[in-house]
């Protein structure tokens, strides 16, 4: 929408993969992800500064476009979705979705312990520990292809001999 910069995701999600703008020729132009700090140094609250967005950043379950769109634009959004919950009432447990599987492994392990089957309990504990070791924080997933992922290389190190 023209003049609107903040948008809420329509569905629960784990991490944003990309946001692309569809131009007049149906070409997809990938928006660059920026940080909140960078946005704050660039944002101008003036209708004259509105134009085609080139950047975005994520804040909670929202994404903010920069610059603010000057007219109605079409966006394509890629994200890691949440496909299932452990709850039969369609309400997710109060924890990130990535922990659901780990919680399930622990519950199965406890069940085997209750039956005094220590071999099977040990198997499920090993699966749980492996899953724990492979967890990627949401921020890491979103920064996987970002050129602005927080790495600051001093200019002196970039010179070739």
Protein backbone atom coordinates (compact mmCIF):
# COMPACT_ATOMS: atom_id res chain seq x y z
CA UNK A 1 0.00 0.00 0.00
CA UNK A 2 1.17 3.49 -0.69
CA UNK A 3 2.47 5.19 2.44
CA UNK A 4 2.53 1.99 4.54
CA UNK A 5 5.90 0.61 5.56
CA UNK A 6 5.04 -1.99 8.28
CA UNK A 7 3.32 -5.26 7.37
CA UNK A 8 2.37 -8.29 9.47
CA UNK A 9 2.99 -11.79 8.19
CA UNK A 10 -0.32 -13.52 7.40
CA UNK A 11 0.64 -16.80 9.07
CA UNK A 12 2.94 -17.98 11.85
CA UNK A 13 6.46 -18.52 10.56
CA UNK A 14 9.89 -19.44 11.80
CA UNK A 15 12.21 -17.29 9.66
CA UNK A 16 12.07 -15.00 6.62
CA UNK A 17 14.06 -16.31 3.66
CA UNK A 18 13.59 -13.40 1.25
CA UNK A 19 11.30 -10.62 0.10
CA UNK A 20 11.14 -9.75 -3.60
CA UNK A 21 9.34 -6.94 -5.36
CA UNK A 22 7.57 -7.68 -8.64
CA UNK A 23 8.18 -4.84 -11.09
CA UNK A 24 6.06 -3.74 -14.08
CA UNK A 25 7.75 -6.37 -16.31
CA UNK A 26 6.94 -9.18 -13.83
CA UNK A 27 10.63 -9.34 -12.92
CA UNK A 28 11.39 -10.21 -9.28
CA UNK A 29 13.81 -7.86 -7.57
CA UNK A 30 15.15 -9.22 -4.29
CA UNK A 31 15.08 -6.69 -1.46
CA UNK A 32 18.20 -6.45 0.70
CA UNK A 33 17.84 -7.17 4.41
CA UNK A 34 19.05 -4.41 6.69
CA UNK A 35 19.29 -3.93 10.43
CA UNK A 36 17.01 -1.79 12.57
CA UNK A 37 19.97 0.49 13.29
CA UNK A 38 20.64 1.06 9.60
CA UNK A 39 16.94 1.74 8.98
CA UNK A 40 16.86 4.35 11.74
CA UNK A 41 19.74 6.24 10.13
CA UNK A 42 18.05 6.21 6.69
CA UNK A 43 14.32 6.64 7.40
CA UNK A 44 12.69 9.98 6.61
CA UNK A 45 9.02 10.44 7.56
CA UNK A 46 8.10 12.49 4.51
CA UNK A 47 5.74 11.52 1.65
CA UNK A 48 8.27 12.98 -0.81
CA UNK A 49 10.81 10.31 0.23
CA UNK A 50 8.44 7.43 -0.65
CA UNK A 51 9.50 5.30 -3.63
CA UNK A 52 10.08 1.71 -4.72
CA UNK A 53 11.32 -0.33 -1.71
CA UNK A 54 14.84 -1.70 -1.97
CA UNK A 55 15.38 -2.94 1.61
CA UNK A 56 13.54 -4.53 4.52
CA UNK A 57 14.08 -5.66 8.07
CA UNK A 58 12.19 -7.94 10.41
CA UNK A 59 10.77 -6.87 13.75
CA UNK A 60 8.85 -9.53 15.70
CA UNK A 61 6.22 -10.93 13.28
CA UNK A 62 6.34 -7.84 11.07
CA UNK A 63 8.55 -6.74 8.23
CA UNK A 64 9.29 -3.09 7.50
CA UNK A 65 10.01 -1.85 3.97
CA UNK A 66 12.48 0.89 3.13
CA UNK A 67 11.87 3.26 1.56
CA UNK A 68 8.16 3.45 2.25
CA UNK A 69 6.23 2.41 -0.90
CA UNK A 70 4.93 5.27 -3.02
CA UNK A 71 2.20 3.17 -4.65
CA UNK A 72 0.66 -0.30 -4.51
CA UNK A 73 3.38 -2.88 -5.10
CA UNK A 74 3.37 -6.68 -5.34
CA UNK A 75 5.73 -8.59 -3.08
CA UNK A 76 6.79 -12.24 -3.04
CA UNK A 77 7.75 -13.45 0.43
CA UNK A 78 9.68 -16.63 1.16
CA UNK A 79 9.75 -17.95 4.69
CA UNK A 80 10.26 -21.08 6.75
CA UNK A 81 6.75 -22.04 7.82
CA UNK A 82 5.44 -23.90 10.81
CA UNK A 83 3.58 -26.98 9.64
CA UNK A 84 2.45 -28.73 12.80
CA UNK A 85 2.10 -28.33 16.53
CA UNK A 86 2.17 -30.75 19.43
CA UNK A 87 -1.19 -29.49 20.62
CA UNK A 88 -4.46 -31.04 19.44
CA UNK A 89 -6.27 -27.74 20.06
CA UNK A 90 -4.35 -25.96 17.25
CA UNK A 91 -2.55 -23.72 19.71
CA UNK A 92 1.22 -23.93 19.74
CA UNK A 93 3.07 -24.48 22.98
CA UNK A 94 4.61 -21.29 24.36
CA UNK A 95 8.03 -21.97 22.82
CA UNK A 96 9.68 -21.67 19.41
CA UNK A 97 8.54 -24.29 16.89
CA UNK A 98 12.07 -25.68 16.54
CA UNK A 99 11.82 -27.01 20.11
CA UNK A 100 8.67 -29.08 19.49
CA UNK A 101 10.55 -32.09 18.09
CA UNK A 102 13.11 -31.96 20.91
CA UNK A 103 10.30 -31.87 23.46
CA UNK A 104 8.67 -34.87 21.78
CA UNK A 105 11.93 -36.86 21.91
CA UNK A 106 12.18 -36.13 25.63
CA UNK A 107 8.59 -37.25 26.22
CA UNK A 108 9.20 -40.54 24.40
CA UNK A 109 12.41 -41.05 26.39
CA UNK A 110 10.53 -40.54 29.66
CA UNK A 111 7.92 -43.06 28.58
CA UNK A 112 10.59 -45.72 28.02
CA UNK A 113 12.18 -44.86 31.38
CA UNK A 114 8.80 -45.40 33.05
CA UNK A 115 8.77 -48.93 31.57
CA UNK A 116 12.38 -49.42 32.75
CA UNK A 117 13.55 -49.88 29.15
CA UNK A 118 16.86 -48.05 29.50
CA UNK A 119 18.20 -49.06 26.08
CA UNK A 120 15.29 -47.47 24.23
CA UNK A 121 15.36 -44.46 26.56
CA UNK A 122 19.05 -44.00 25.78
CA UNK A 123 18.30 -44.19 22.03
CA UNK A 124 15.70 -41.39 22.27
CA UNK A 125 18.01 -39.32 24.45
CA UNK A 126 20.71 -39.59 21.77
CA UNK A 127 18.21 -38.38 19.14
CA UNK A 128 17.24 -35.51 21.41
CA UNK A 129 20.87 -34.48 21.99
CA UNK A 130 21.60 -34.64 18.25
CA UNK A 131 18.57 -32.45 17.52
CA UNK A 132 19.69 -29.99 20.20
CA UNK A 133 23.15 -29.75 18.65
CA UNK A 134 21.66 -28.96 15.22
CA UNK A 135 19.36 -26.09 16.25
CA UNK A 136 19.95 -22.90 14.32
CA UNK A 137 18.65 -19.71 15.89
CA UNK A 138 16.10 -17.80 13.79
CA UNK A 139 18.55 -14.95 13.36
CA UNK A 140 21.17 -17.33 11.94
CA UNK A 141 18.65 -18.67 9.41
CA UNK A 142 17.75 -15.18 8.26
CA UNK A 143 21.39 -14.08 8.02
CA UNK A 144 22.48 -17.10 5.97
CA UNK A 145 22.49 -15.16 2.69
CA UNK A 146 22.83 -11.65 4.04
CA UNK A 147 25.70 -9.41 3.09
CA UNK A 148 24.91 -7.32 6.18
CA UNK A 149 25.20 -10.12 8.71
CA UNK A 150 27.23 -8.10 11.18
CA UNK A 151 30.72 -8.81 9.85
CA UNK A 152 32.84 -5.70 9.89
CA UNK A 153 36.20 -6.13 8.12
CA UNK A 154 38.70 -3.33 8.68
CA UNK A 155 39.81 -1.69 5.43
CA UNK A 156 43.45 -2.57 6.18
CA UNK A 157 42.64 -6.29 6.03
CA UNK A 158 40.98 -5.96 2.64
CA UNK A 159 44.16 -4.69 0.91
CA UNK A 160 46.03 -7.20 -1.21
CA UNK A 161 49.85 -7.47 -0.94
